[in-house]
Amino acid sequence: MAVLGYKGTVTTTGTSEAIRFEKSLFRQHPEFRQKAGVEAHVIGPGTLLVRVTDEQAIAQDQEDPIVLAFLSFLESDATAHPERIVPLSSSNVARALELTKDVIVSDNELLPDDVTF
């Protein structure tokens, strides 16, 4: 079973604040090696998303880190619980089409600032 989280503490190192995580994170995910460049995104109150920004990650810069984190969660869950995966029924597809028949969307449409998820 995949580990979904790692324990850590906020601490001080020199004159900076730091977040210290258990060593298993770095053993299981070597991309977070020492001296790796990282950036953090606050994605909700008390929730931080950290990603590597080294050259191999820069090529993926156009990808949304939130979507990537969600897809990673789905992959872990599907691997841990394959019994939860069920085919999409034709009745659910028909219902979705009916519910969205008058909805007009555009890939270039910007969401207003007051929209929250």
PDB file of N, CA and C in Angstrom:
ATOM      1  N   MET A   1       0.849  -1.182   0.000  1.00  0.00           N
ATOM      2  CA  MET A   1       0.000   0.000   0.000  1.00  0.00           C
ATOM      3  C   MET A   1       0.891   1.241   0.000  1.00  0.00           C
ATOM      4  N   ALA A   2       0.567   2.242  -0.817  1.00  0.00           N
ATOM      5  CA  ALA A   2       1.337   3.471  -0.928  1.00  0.00           C
ATOM      6  C   ALA A   2       1.094   4.363   0.286  1.00  0.00           C
ATOM      7  N   VAL A   3       2.159   5.053   0.703  1.00  0.00           N
ATOM      8  CA  VAL A   3       2.039   6.013   1.786  1.00  0.00           C
ATOM      9  C   VAL A   3       1.446   7.286   1.227  1.00  0.00           C
ATOM     10  N   LEU A   4       0.373   7.796   1.819  1.00  0.00           N
ATOM     11  CA  LEU A   4      -0.286   8.988   1.300  1.00  0.00           C
ATOM     12  C   LEU A   4       0.189  10.269   1.961  1.00  0.00           C
ATOM     13  N   GLY A   5       0.902  10.170   3.071  1.00  0.00           N
ATOM     14  CA  GLY A   5       1.359  11.371   3.748  1.00  0.00           C
ATOM     15  C   GLY A   5       2.617  11.098   4.545  1.00  0.00           C
ATOM     16  N   TYR A   6       3.328  12.144   4.869  1.00  0.00           N
ATOM     17  CA  TYR A   6       4.565  12.045   5.627  1.00  0.00           C
ATOM     18  C   TYR A   6       4.504  13.044   6.774  1.00  0.00           C
ATOM     19  N   LYS A   7       4.953  12.629   7.936  1.00  0.00           N
ATOM     20  CA  LYS A   7       4.952  13.497   9.118  1.00  0.00           C
ATOM     21  C   LYS A   7       6.150  14.438   9.064  1.00  0.00           C
ATOM     22  N   GLY A   8       5.990  15.601   9.647  1.00  0.00           N
ATOM     23  CA  GLY A   8       7.068  16.564   9.700  1.00  0.00           C
ATOM     24  C   GLY A   8       6.804  17.608  10.758  1.00  0.00           C
ATOM     25  N   THR A   9       7.726  18.530  10.906  1.00  0.00           N
ATOM     26  CA  THR A   9       7.578  19.633  11.857  1.00  0.00           C
ATOM     27  C   THR A   9       8.136  20.908  11.232  1.00  0.00           C
ATOM     28  N   VAL A  10       7.600  22.027  11.655  1.00  0.00           N
ATOM     29  CA  VAL A  10       8.148  23.320  11.261  1.00  0.00           C
ATOM     30  C   VAL A  10       9.238  23.651  12.273  1.00  0.00           C
ATOM     31  N   THR A  11      10.383  24.087  11.782  1.00  0.00           N
ATOM     32  CA  THR A  11      11.529  24.337  12.641  1.00  0.00           C
ATOM     33  C   THR A  11      12.286  25.572  12.139  1.00  0.00           C
ATOM     34  N   THR A  12      13.362  25.905  12.782  1.00  0.00           N
ATOM     35  CA  THR A  12      14.218  27.012  12.373  1.00  0.00           C
ATOM     36  C   THR A  12      15.569  26.438  11.982  1.00  0.00           C
ATOM     37  N   THR A  13      16.111  26.941  10.889  1.00  0.00           N
ATOM     38  CA  THR A  13      17.461  26.565  10.489  1.00  0.00           C
ATOM     39  C   THR A  13      18.207  27.850  10.152  1.00  0.00           C
ATOM     40  N   GLY A  14      19.204  28.176  10.935  1.00  0.00           N
ATOM     41  CA  GLY A  14      19.890  29.457  10.779  1.00  0.00           C
ATOM     42  C   GLY A  14      18.917  30.591  11.075  1.00  0.00           C
ATOM     43  N   THR A  15      18.751  31.492  10.114  1.00  0.00           N
ATOM     44  CA  THR A  15      17.807  32.603  10.293  1.00  0.00           C
ATOM     45  C   THR A  15      16.526  32.393   9.489  1.00  0.00           C
ATOM     46  N   SER A  16      16.321  31.174   8.983  1.00  0.00           N
ATOM     47  CA  SER A  16      15.142  30.877   8.171  1.00  0.00           C
ATOM     48  C   SER A  16      14.232  29.872   8.861  1.00  0.00           C
ATOM     49  N   GLU A  17      12.979  29.873   8.443  1.00  0.00           N
ATOM     50  CA  GLU A  17      12.042  28.840   8.864  1.00  0.00           C
ATOM     51  C   GLU A  17      12.201  27.670   7.900  1.00  0.00           C
ATOM     52  N   ALA A  18      11.941  26.468   8.363  1.00  0.00           N
ATOM     53  CA  ALA A  18      12.080  25.286   7.524  1.00  0.00           C
ATOM     54  C   ALA A  18      11.009  24.276   7.899  1.00  0.00           C
ATOM     55  N   ILE A  19      10.721  23.374   6.978  1.00  0.00           N
ATOM     56  CA  ILE A  19       9.825  22.258   7.253  1.00  0.00           C
ATOM     57  C   ILE A  19      10.669  21.000   7.142  1.00  0.00           C
ATOM     58  N   ARG A  20      10.658  20.213   8.189  1.00  0.00           N
ATOM     59  CA  ARG A  20      11.467  18.994   8.258  1.00  0.00           C
ATOM     60  C   ARG A  20      10.538  17.792   8.158  1.00  0.00           C
ATOM     61  N   PHE A  21      10.821  16.869   7.220  1.00  0.00           N
ATOM     62  CA  PHE A  21       9.991  15.688   7.012  1.00  0.00           C
ATOM     63  C   PHE A  21      10.769  14.427   7.361  1.00  0.00           C
ATOM     64  N   GLU A  22      10.011  13.364   7.653  1.00  0.00           N
ATOM     65  CA  GLU A  22      10.641  12.075   7.948  1.00  0.00           C
ATOM     66  C   GLU A  22      11.419  11.579   6.736  1.00  0.00           C
ATOM     67  N   LYS A  23      12.486  10.838   6.996  1.00  0.00           N
ATOM     68  CA  LYS A  23      13.409  10.402   5.955  1.00  0.00           C
ATOM     69  C   LYS A  23      12.752   9.509   4.903  1.00  0.00           C
ATOM     70  N   SER A  24      11.686   8.794   5.257  1.00  0.00           N
ATOM     71  CA  SER A  24      11.041   7.902   4.294  1.00  0.00           C
ATOM     72  C   SER A  24      10.518   8.652   3.071  1.00  0.00           C
ATOM     73  N   LEU A  25      10.126   9.915   3.236  1.00  0.00           N
ATOM     74  CA  LEU A  25       9.692  10.713   2.089  1.00  0.00           C
ATOM     75  C   LEU A  25      10.790  10.783   1.043  1.00  0.00           C
ATOM     76  N   PHE A  26      12.007  11.054   1.482  1.00  0.00           N
ATOM     77  CA  PHE A  26      13.125  11.254   0.561  1.00  0.00           C
ATOM     78  C   PHE A  26      13.650   9.935   0.000  1.00  0.00           C
ATOM     79  N   ARG A  27      13.487   8.862   0.739  1.00  0.00           N
ATOM     80  CA  ARG A  27      13.860   7.540   0.223  1.00  0.00           C
ATOM     81  C   ARG A  27      12.885   7.095  -0.864  1.00  0.00           C
ATOM     82  N   GLN A  28      11.612   7.333  -0.644  1.00  0.00           N
ATOM     83  CA  GLN A  28      10.590   6.891  -1.594  1.00  0.00           C
ATOM     84  C   GLN A  28      10.430   7.839  -2.778  1.00  0.00           C
ATOM     85  N   HIS A  29      10.860   9.092  -2.620  1.00  0.00           N
ATOM     86  CA  HIS A  29      10.733  10.100  -3.680  1.00  0.00           C
ATOM     87  C   HIS A  29      12.063  10.836  -3.844  1.00  0.00           C
ATOM     88  N   PRO A  30      13.030  10.218  -4.537  1.00  0.00           N
ATOM     89  CA  PRO A  30      14.364  10.816  -4.648  1.00  0.00           C
ATOM     90  C   PRO A  30      14.398  12.150  -5.381  1.00  0.00           C
ATOM     91  N   GLU A  31      13.318  12.511  -6.074  1.00  0.00           N
ATOM     92  CA  GLU A  31      13.308  13.827  -6.726  1.00  0.00           C
ATOM     93  C   GLU A  31      13.389  14.959  -5.708  1.00  0.00           C
ATOM     94  N   PHE A  32      13.060  14.678  -4.436  1.00  0.00           N
ATOM     95  CA  PHE A  32      13.174  15.672  -3.372  1.00  0.00           C
ATOM     96  C   PHE A  32      14.529  15.560  -2.674  1.00  0.00           C
ATOM     97  N   ARG A  33      15.569  15.313  -3.455  1.00  0.00           N
ATOM     98  CA  ARG A  33      16.911  15.163  -2.897  1.00  0.00           C
ATOM     99  C   ARG A  33      17.394  16.481  -2.291  1.00  0.00           C
ATOM    100  N   GLN A  34      18.450  16.391  -1.483  1.00  0.00           N
ATOM    101  CA  GLN A  34      19.018  17.606  -0.892  1.00  0.00           C
ATOM    102  C   GLN A  34      19.468  18.554  -1.994  1.00  0.00           C
ATOM    103  N   LYS A  35      19.275  19.804  -1.761  1.00  0.00           N
ATOM    104  CA  LYS A  35      19.634  20.898  -2.676  1.00  0.00           C
ATOM    105  C   LYS A  35      18.711  21.005  -3.883  1.00  0.00           C
ATOM    106  N   ALA A  36      17.672  20.161  -3.987  1.00  0.00           N
ATOM    107  CA  ALA A  36      16.724  20.278  -5.098  1.00  0.00           C
ATOM    108  C   ALA A  36      15.971  21.600  -4.958  1.00  0.00           C
ATOM    109  N   GLY A  37      15.779  22.278  -6.061  1.00  0.00           N
ATOM    110  CA  GLY A  37      14.968  23.493  -6.037  1.00  0.00           C
ATOM    111  C   GLY A  37      13.496  23.112  -5.896  1.00  0.00           C
ATOM    112  N   VAL A  38      12.788  23.804  -5.032  1.00  0.00           N
ATOM    113  CA  VAL A  38      11.365  23.532  -4.834  1.00  0.00           C
ATOM    114  C   VAL A  38      10.600  24.843  -4.770  1.00  0.00           C
ATOM    115  N   GLU A  39       9.288  24.764  -5.015  1.00  0.00           N
ATOM    116  CA  GLU A  39       8.409  25.899  -4.793  1.00  0.00           C
ATOM    117  C   GLU A  39       7.168  25.383  -4.089  1.00  0.00           C
ATOM    118  N   ALA A  40       6.533  26.256  -3.327  1.00  0.00           N
ATOM    119  CA  ALA A  40       5.365  25.860  -2.546  1.00  0.00           C
ATOM    120  C   ALA A  40       4.171  26.699  -2.965  1.00  0.00           C
ATOM    121  N   HIS A  41       3.000  26.050  -2.977  1.00  0.00           N
ATOM    122  CA  HIS A  41       1.738  26.715  -3.290  1.00  0.00           C
ATOM    123  C   HIS A  41       0.774  26.434  -2.139  1.00  0.00           C
ATOM    124  N   VAL A  42       0.226  27.477  -1.540  1.00  0.00           N
ATOM    125  CA  VAL A  42      -0.814  27.283  -0.538  1.00  0.00           C
ATOM    126  C   VAL A  42      -2.098  27.021  -1.313  1.00  0.00           C
ATOM    127  N   ILE A  43      -2.673  25.823  -1.145  1.00  0.00           N
ATOM    128  CA  ILE A  43      -3.858  25.443  -1.907  1.00  0.00           C
ATOM    129  C   ILE A  43      -5.114  25.455  -1.056  1.00  0.00           C
ATOM    130  N   GLY A  44      -4.975  25.801   0.200  1.00  0.00           N
ATOM    131  CA  GLY A  44      -6.109  25.902   1.109  1.00  0.00           C
ATOM    132  C   GLY A  44      -5.584  26.187   2.498  1.00  0.00           C
ATOM    133  N   PRO A  45      -6.454  26.579   3.405  1.00  0.00           N
ATOM    134  CA  PRO A  45      -6.007  26.838   4.775  1.00  0.00           C
ATOM    135  C   PRO A  45      -5.336  25.598   5.369  1.00  0.00           C
ATOM    136  N   GLY A  46      -4.103  25.757   5.795  1.00  0.00           N
ATOM    137  CA  GLY A  46      -3.372  24.654   6.404  1.00  0.00           C
ATOM    138  C   GLY A  46      -2.891  23.598   5.424  1.00  0.00           C
ATOM    139  N   THR A  47      -2.962  23.878   4.111  1.00  0.00           N
ATOM    140  CA  THR A  47      -2.568  22.880   3.107  1.00  0.00           C
ATOM    141  C   THR A  47      -1.563  23.497   2.139  1.00  0.00           C
ATOM    142  N   LEU A  48      -0.433  22.819   1.993  1.00  0.00           N
ATOM    143  CA  LEU A  48       0.661  23.308   1.169  1.00  0.00           C
ATOM    144  C   LEU A  48       1.032  22.242   0.146  1.00  0.00           C
ATOM    145  N   LEU A  49       1.210  22.643  -1.104  1.00  0.00           N
ATOM    146  CA  LEU A  49       1.665  21.748  -2.157  1.00  0.00           C
ATOM    147  C   LEU A  49       3.099  22.157  -2.491  1.00  0.00           C
ATOM    148  N   VAL A  50       4.031  21.208  -2.406  1.00  0.00           N
ATOM    149  CA  VAL A  50       5.437  21.482  -2.687  1.00  0.00           C
ATOM    150  C   VAL A  50       5.828  20.698  -3.927  1.00  0.00           C
ATOM    151  N   ARG A  51       6.495  21.367  -4.882  1.00  0.00           N
ATOM    152  CA  ARG A  51       6.929  20.660  -6.078  1.00  0.00           C
ATOM    153  C   ARG A  51       8.374  21.005  -6.404  1.00  0.00           C
ATOM    154  N   VAL A  52       9.057  20.067  -7.035  1.00  0.00           N
ATOM    155  CA  VAL A  52      10.445  20.235  -7.448  1.00  0.00           C
ATOM    156  C   VAL A  52      10.469  21.142  -8.673  1.00  0.00           C
ATOM    157  N   THR A  53      11.442  22.056  -8.727  1.00  0.00           N
ATOM    158  CA  THR A  53      11.536  22.985  -9.855  1.00  0.00           C
ATOM    159  C   THR A  53      12.832  22.832 -10.643  1.00  0.00           C
ATOM    160  N   ASP A  54      13.555  21.738 -10.430  1.00  0.00           N
ATOM    161  CA  ASP A  54      14.788  21.506 -11.180  1.00  0.00           C
ATOM    162  C   ASP A  54      14.487  21.340 -12.660  1.00  0.00           C
ATOM    163  N   GLU A  55      15.511  21.259 -13.491  1.00  0.00           N
ATOM    164  CA  GLU A  55      15.352  21.278 -14.941  1.00  0.00           C
ATOM    165  C   GLU A  55      14.352  20.266 -15.472  1.00  0.00           C
ATOM    166  N   GLN A  56      14.340  19.029 -14.950  1.00  0.00           N
ATOM    167  CA  GLN A  56      13.392  18.046 -15.472  1.00  0.00           C
ATOM    168  C   GLN A  56      11.959  18.454 -15.157  1.00  0.00           C
ATOM    169  N   ALA A  57      11.743  19.187 -14.089  1.00  0.00           N
ATOM    170  CA  ALA A  57      10.395  19.644 -13.750  1.00  0.00           C
ATOM    171  C   ALA A  57      10.024  20.894 -14.540  1.00  0.00           C
ATOM    172  N   ILE A  58      11.005  21.699 -14.927  1.00  0.00           N
ATOM    173  CA  ILE A  58      10.733  22.931 -15.666  1.00  0.00           C
ATOM    174  C   ILE A  58      10.060  22.621 -17.003  1.00  0.00           C
ATOM    175  N   ALA A  59      10.402  21.492 -17.622  1.00  0.00           N
ATOM    176  CA  ALA A  59       9.782  21.102 -18.887  1.00  0.00           C
ATOM    177  C   ALA A  59       8.278  20.913 -18.719  1.00  0.00           C
ATOM    178  N   GLN A  60       7.822  20.612 -17.513  1.00  0.00           N
ATOM    179  CA  GLN A  60       6.406  20.411 -17.237  1.00  0.00           C
ATOM    180  C   GLN A  60       5.761  21.668 -16.674  1.00  0.00           C
ATOM    181  N   ASP A  61       6.416  22.826 -16.822  1.00  0.00           N
ATOM    182  CA  ASP A  61       5.966  24.057 -16.181  1.00  0.00           C
ATOM    183  C   ASP A  61       4.550  24.465 -16.569  1.00  0.00           C
ATOM    184  N   GLN A  62       4.093  24.091 -17.748  1.00  0.00           N
ATOM    185  CA  GLN A  62       2.758  24.463 -18.186  1.00  0.00           C
ATOM    186  C   GLN A  62       1.671  23.617 -17.529  1.00  0.00           C
ATOM    187  N   GLU A  63       2.059  22.552 -16.852  1.00  0.00           N
ATOM    188  CA  GLU A  63       1.090  21.685 -16.203  1.00  0.00           C
ATOM    189  C   GLU A  63       0.664  22.285 -14.869  1.00  0.00           C
ATOM    190  N   ASP A  64      -0.593  22.118 -14.518  1.00  0.00           N
ATOM    191  CA  ASP A  64      -1.144  22.650 -13.287  1.00  0.00           C
ATOM    192  C   ASP A  64      -0.749  21.750 -12.110  1.00  0.00           C
ATOM    193  N   PRO A  65      -0.032  22.271 -11.102  1.00  0.00           N
ATOM    194  CA  PRO A  65       0.408  21.427  -9.993  1.00  0.00           C
ATOM    195  C   PRO A  65      -0.753  20.846  -9.186  1.00  0.00           C
ATOM    196  N   ILE A  66      -1.876  21.528  -9.141  1.00  0.00           N
ATOM    197  CA  ILE A  66      -3.034  21.018  -8.413  1.00  0.00           C
ATOM    198  C   ILE A  66      -3.619  19.810  -9.146  1.00  0.00           C
ATOM    199  N   VAL A  67      -3.737  19.922 -10.467  1.00  0.00           N
ATOM    200  CA  VAL A  67      -4.255  18.806 -11.260  1.00  0.00           C
ATOM    201  C   VAL A  67      -3.304  17.618 -11.159  1.00  0.00           C
ATOM    202  N   LEU A  68      -1.991  17.872 -11.238  1.00  0.00           N
ATOM    203  CA  LEU A  68      -1.021  16.792 -11.123  1.00  0.00           C
ATOM    204  C   LEU A  68      -1.117  16.098  -9.767  1.00  0.00           C
ATOM    205  N   ALA A  69      -1.297  16.881  -8.697  1.00  0.00           N
ATOM    206  CA  ALA A  69      -1.441  16.291  -7.358  1.00  0.00           C
ATOM    207  C   ALA A  69      -2.707  15.451  -7.283  1.00  0.00           C
ATOM    208  N   PHE A  70      -3.803  15.937  -7.863  1.00  0.00           N
ATOM    209  CA  PHE A  70      -5.062  15.188  -7.849  1.00  0.00           C
ATOM    210  C   PHE A  70      -4.932  13.890  -8.644  1.00  0.00           C
ATOM    211  N   LEU A  71      -4.302  13.960  -9.811  1.00  0.00           N
ATOM    212  CA  LEU A  71      -4.116  12.756 -10.622  1.00  0.00           C
ATOM    213  C   LEU A  71      -3.225  11.745  -9.905  1.00  0.00           C
ATOM    214  N   SER A  72      -2.223  12.227  -9.195  1.00  0.00           N
ATOM    215  CA  SER A  72      -1.370  11.340  -8.409  1.00  0.00           C
ATOM    216  C   SER A  72      -2.169  10.658  -7.307  1.00  0.00           C
ATOM    217  N   PHE A  73      -3.054  11.420  -6.649  1.00  0.00           N
ATOM    218  CA  PHE A  73      -3.932  10.838  -5.631  1.00  0.00           C
ATOM    219  C   PHE A  73      -4.821   9.764  -6.244  1.00  0.00           C
ATOM    220  N   LEU A  74      -5.420  10.047  -7.405  1.00  0.00           N
ATOM    221  CA  LEU A  74      -6.279   9.055  -8.070  1.00  0.00           C
ATOM    222  C   LEU A  74      -5.501   7.784  -8.411  1.00  0.00           C
ATOM    223  N   GLU A  75      -4.277   7.961  -8.896  1.00  0.00           N
ATOM    224  CA  GLU A  75      -3.450   6.806  -9.231  1.00  0.00           C
ATOM    225  C   GLU A  75      -3.163   5.961  -7.995  1.00  0.00           C
ATOM    226  N   SER A  76      -2.813   6.611  -6.897  1.00  0.00           N
ATOM    227  CA  SER A  76      -2.534   5.879  -5.656  1.00  0.00           C
ATOM    228  C   SER A  76      -3.772   5.154  -5.160  1.00  0.00           C
ATOM    229  N   ASP A  77      -4.915   5.826  -5.210  1.00  0.00           N
ATOM    230  CA  ASP A  77      -6.161   5.216  -4.733  1.00  0.00           C
ATOM    231  C   ASP A  77      -6.563   4.045  -5.625  1.00  0.00           C
ATOM    232  N   ALA A  78      -6.431   4.200  -6.937  1.00  0.00           N
ATOM    233  CA  ALA A  78      -6.792   3.120  -7.858  1.00  0.00           C
ATOM    234  C   ALA A  78      -5.880   1.913  -7.670  1.00  0.00           C
ATOM    235  N   THR A  79      -4.609   2.163  -7.384  1.00  0.00           N
ATOM    236  CA  THR A  79      -3.669   1.073  -7.150  1.00  0.00           C
ATOM    237  C   THR A  79      -3.979   0.359  -5.841  1.00  0.00           C
ATOM    238  N   ALA A  80      -4.290   1.135  -4.806  1.00  0.00           N
ATOM    239  CA  ALA A  80      -4.564   0.559  -3.489  1.00  0.00           C
ATOM    240  C   ALA A  80      -5.933  -0.111  -3.419  1.00  0.00           C
ATOM    241  N   HIS A  81      -6.911   0.377  -4.196  1.00  0.00           N
ATOM    242  CA  HIS A  81      -8.288  -0.132  -4.128  1.00  0.00           C
ATOM    243  C   HIS A  81      -8.867  -0.344  -5.530  1.00  0.00           C
ATOM    244  N   PRO A  82      -8.342  -1.312  -6.280  1.00  0.00           N
ATOM    245  CA  PRO A  82      -8.850  -1.517  -7.641  1.00  0.00           C
ATOM    246  C   PRO A  82     -10.320  -1.933  -7.672  1.00  0.00           C
ATOM    247  N   GLU A  83     -10.834  -2.435  -6.572  1.00  0.00           N
ATOM    248  CA  GLU A  83     -12.244  -2.839  -6.533  1.00  0.00           C
ATOM    249  C   GLU A  83     -13.189  -1.650  -6.646  1.00  0.00           C
ATOM    250  N   ARG A  84     -12.694  -0.451  -6.421  1.00  0.00           N
ATOM    251  CA  ARG A  84     -13.532   0.749  -6.527  1.00  0.00           C
ATOM    252  C   ARG A  84     -13.721   1.210  -7.974  1.00  0.00           C
ATOM    253  N   ILE A  85     -12.950   0.670  -8.885  1.00  0.00           N
ATOM    254  CA  ILE A  85     -13.024   1.085 -10.286  1.00  0.00           C
ATOM    255  C   ILE A  85     -14.170   0.330 -10.955  1.00  0.00           C
ATOM    256  N   VAL A  86     -15.129   1.084 -11.458  1.00  0.00           N
ATOM    257  CA  VAL A  86     -16.283   0.476 -12.132  1.00  0.00           C
ATOM    258  C   VAL A  86     -16.484   1.192 -13.468  1.00  0.00           C
ATOM    259  N   PRO A  87     -16.989   0.478 -14.469  1.00  0.00           N
ATOM    260  CA  PRO A  87     -17.216   1.125 -15.769  1.00  0.00           C
ATOM    261  C   PRO A  87     -18.310   2.194 -15.679  1.00  0.00           C
ATOM    262  N   LEU A  88     -18.191   3.192 -16.505  1.00  0.00           N
ATOM    263  CA  LEU A  88     -19.195   4.243 -16.593  1.00  0.00           C
ATOM    264  C   LEU A  88     -20.399   3.689 -17.353  1.00  0.00           C
ATOM    265  N   SER A  89     -21.550   3.713 -16.724  1.00  0.00           N
ATOM    266  CA  SER A  89     -22.741   3.129 -17.355  1.00  0.00           C
ATOM    267  C   SER A  89     -23.309   4.066 -18.420  1.00  0.00           C
ATOM    268  N   SER A  90     -23.992   3.489 -19.381  1.00  0.00           N
ATOM    269  CA  SER A  90     -24.608   4.298 -20.439  1.00  0.00           C
ATOM    270  C   SER A  90     -25.701   5.191 -19.864  1.00  0.00           C
ATOM    271  N   SER A  91     -26.363   4.766 -18.790  1.00  0.00           N
ATOM    272  CA  SER A  91     -27.390   5.619 -18.180  1.00  0.00           C
ATOM    273  C   SER A  91     -26.761   6.848 -17.516  1.00  0.00           C
ATOM    274  N   ASN A  92     -25.570   6.700 -16.911  1.00  0.00           N
ATOM    275  CA  ASN A  92     -24.884   7.859 -16.335  1.00  0.00           C
ATOM    276  C   ASN A  92     -24.405   8.819 -17.419  1.00  0.00           C
ATOM    277  N   VAL A  93     -23.940   8.282 -18.532  1.00  0.00           N
ATOM    278  CA  VAL A  93     -23.525   9.130 -19.659  1.00  0.00           C
ATOM    279  C   VAL A  93     -24.726   9.901 -20.192  1.00  0.00           C
ATOM    280  N   ALA A  94     -25.851   9.223 -20.369  1.00  0.00           N
ATOM    281  CA  ALA A  94     -27.066   9.878 -20.865  1.00  0.00           C
ATOM    282  C   ALA A  94     -27.517  10.967 -19.899  1.00  0.00           C
ATOM    283  N   ARG A  95     -27.451  10.694 -18.600  1.00  0.00           N
ATOM    284  CA  ARG A  95     -27.850  11.694 -17.599  1.00  0.00           C
ATOM    285  C   ARG A  95     -26.924  12.911 -17.655  1.00  0.00           C
ATOM    286  N   ALA A  96     -25.626  12.681 -17.777  1.00  0.00           N
ATOM    287  CA  ALA A  96     -24.669  13.789 -17.859  1.00  0.00           C
ATOM    288  C   ALA A  96     -24.918  14.631 -19.108  1.00  0.00           C
ATOM    289  N   LEU A  97     -25.174  13.985 -20.220  1.00  0.00           N
ATOM    290  CA  LEU A  97     -25.470  14.718 -21.454  1.00  0.00           C
ATOM    291  C   LEU A  97     -26.740  15.556 -21.310  1.00  0.00           C
ATOM    292  N   GLU A  98     -27.754  15.001 -20.677  1.00  0.00           N
ATOM    293  CA  GLU A  98     -29.004  15.737 -20.455  1.00  0.00           C
ATOM    294  C   GLU A  98     -28.783  16.940 -19.546  1.00  0.00           C
ATOM    295  N   LEU A  99     -28.014  16.754 -18.479  1.00  0.00           N
ATOM    296  CA  LEU A  99     -27.769  17.844 -17.525  1.00  0.00           C
ATOM    297  C   LEU A  99     -26.938  18.974 -18.121  1.00  0.00           C
ATOM    298  N   THR A 100     -26.121  18.670 -19.117  1.00  0.00           N
ATOM    299  CA  THR A 100     -25.210  19.677 -19.678  1.00  0.00           C
ATOM    300  C   THR A 100     -25.555  20.098 -21.098  1.00  0.00           C
ATOM    301  N   LYS A 101     -26.735  19.718 -21.589  1.00  0.00           N
ATOM    302  CA  LYS A 101     -27.063  19.976 -22.995  1.00  0.00           C
ATOM    303  C   LYS A 101     -27.079  21.461 -23.354  1.00  0.00           C
ATOM    304  N   ASP A 102     -27.425  22.354 -22.450  1.00  0.00           N
ATOM    305  CA  ASP A 102     -27.484  23.786 -22.747  1.00  0.00           C
ATOM    306  C   ASP A 102     -26.260  24.557 -22.238  1.00  0.00           C
ATOM    307  N   VAL A 103     -25.262  23.861 -21.777  1.00  0.00           N
ATOM    308  CA  VAL A 103     -24.058  24.503 -21.243  1.00  0.00           C
ATOM    309  C   VAL A 103     -23.084  24.775 -22.377  1.00  0.00           C
ATOM    310  N   ILE A 104     -22.643  26.021 -22.465  1.00  0.00           N
ATOM    311  CA  ILE A 104     -21.666  26.424 -23.480  1.00  0.00           C
ATOM    312  C   ILE A 104     -20.355  26.685 -22.761  1.00  0.00           C
ATOM    313  N   VAL A 105     -19.281  26.044 -23.215  1.00  0.00           N
ATOM    314  CA  VAL A 105     -17.977  26.201 -22.567  1.00  0.00           C
ATOM    315  C   VAL A 105     -16.927  26.606 -23.584  1.00  0.00           C
ATOM    316  N   SER A 106     -15.868  27.199 -23.077  1.00  0.00           N
ATOM    317  CA  SER A 106     -14.738  27.582 -23.906  1.00  0.00           C
ATOM    318  C   SER A 106     -13.464  27.311 -23.120  1.00  0.00           C
ATOM    319  N   ASP A 107     -12.476  26.729 -23.768  1.00  0.00           N
ATOM    320  CA  ASP A 107     -11.193  26.488 -23.110  1.00  0.00           C
ATOM    321  C   ASP A 107     -10.494  27.793 -22.736  1.00  0.00           C
ATOM    322  N   ASN A 108     -10.857  28.894 -23.379  1.00  0.00           N
ATOM    323  CA  ASN A 108     -10.209  30.178 -23.123  1.00  0.00           C
ATOM    324  C   ASN A 108     -10.950  31.031 -22.106  1.00  0.00           C
ATOM    325  N   GLU A 109     -12.062  30.528 -21.581  1.00  0.00           N
ATOM    326  CA  GLU A 109     -12.865  31.301 -20.640  1.00  0.00           C
ATOM    327  C   GLU A 109     -12.150  31.426 -19.294  1.00  0.00           C
ATOM    328  N   LEU A 110     -12.103  32.638 -18.763  1.00  0.00           N
ATOM    329  CA  LEU A 110     -11.483  32.877 -17.464  1.00  0.00           C
ATOM    330  C   LEU A 110     -12.559  32.857 -16.385  1.00  0.00           C
ATOM    331  N   LEU A 111     -12.247  32.213 -15.278  1.00  0.00           N
ATOM    332  CA  LEU A 111     -13.182  32.182 -14.157  1.00  0.00           C
ATOM    333  C   LEU A 111     -13.077  33.487 -13.383  1.00  0.00           C
ATOM    334  N   PRO A 112     -14.189  34.008 -12.874  1.00  0.00           N
ATOM    335  CA  PRO A 112     -14.126  35.229 -12.080  1.00  0.00           C
ATOM    336  C   PRO A 112     -13.350  35.001 -10.785  1.00  0.00           C
ATOM    337  N   ASP A 113     -12.818  36.089 -10.220  1.00  0.00           N
ATOM    338  CA  ASP A 113     -12.016  35.999  -9.001  1.00  0.00           C
ATOM    339  C   ASP A 113     -12.802  35.461  -7.806  1.00  0.00           C
ATOM    340  N   ASP A 114     -14.135  35.635  -7.811  1.00  0.00           N
ATOM    341  CA  ASP A 114     -14.915  35.216  -6.650  1.00  0.00           C
ATOM    342  C   ASP A 114     -15.314  33.730  -6.698  1.00  0.00           C
ATOM    343  N   VAL A 115     -14.857  32.994  -7.717  1.00  0.00           N
ATOM    344  CA  VAL A 115     -15.147  31.562  -7.800  1.00  0.00           C
ATOM    345  C   VAL A 115     -14.134  30.819  -6.957  1.00  0.00           C
ATOM    346  N   THR A 116     -14.614  29.984  -6.045  1.00  0.00           N
ATOM    347  CA  THR A 116     -13.720  29.183  -5.215  1.00  0.00           C
ATOM    348  C   THR A 116     -14.055  27.711  -5.379  1.00  0.00           C
ATOM    349  N   PHE A 117     -13.080  26.890  -5.132  1.00  0.00           N
ATOM    350  CA  PHE A 117     -13.271  25.440  -5.229  1.00  0.00           C
ATOM    351  C   PHE A 117     -13.131  24.823  -3.858  1.00  0.00           C
TER     352      PHE A 117
END
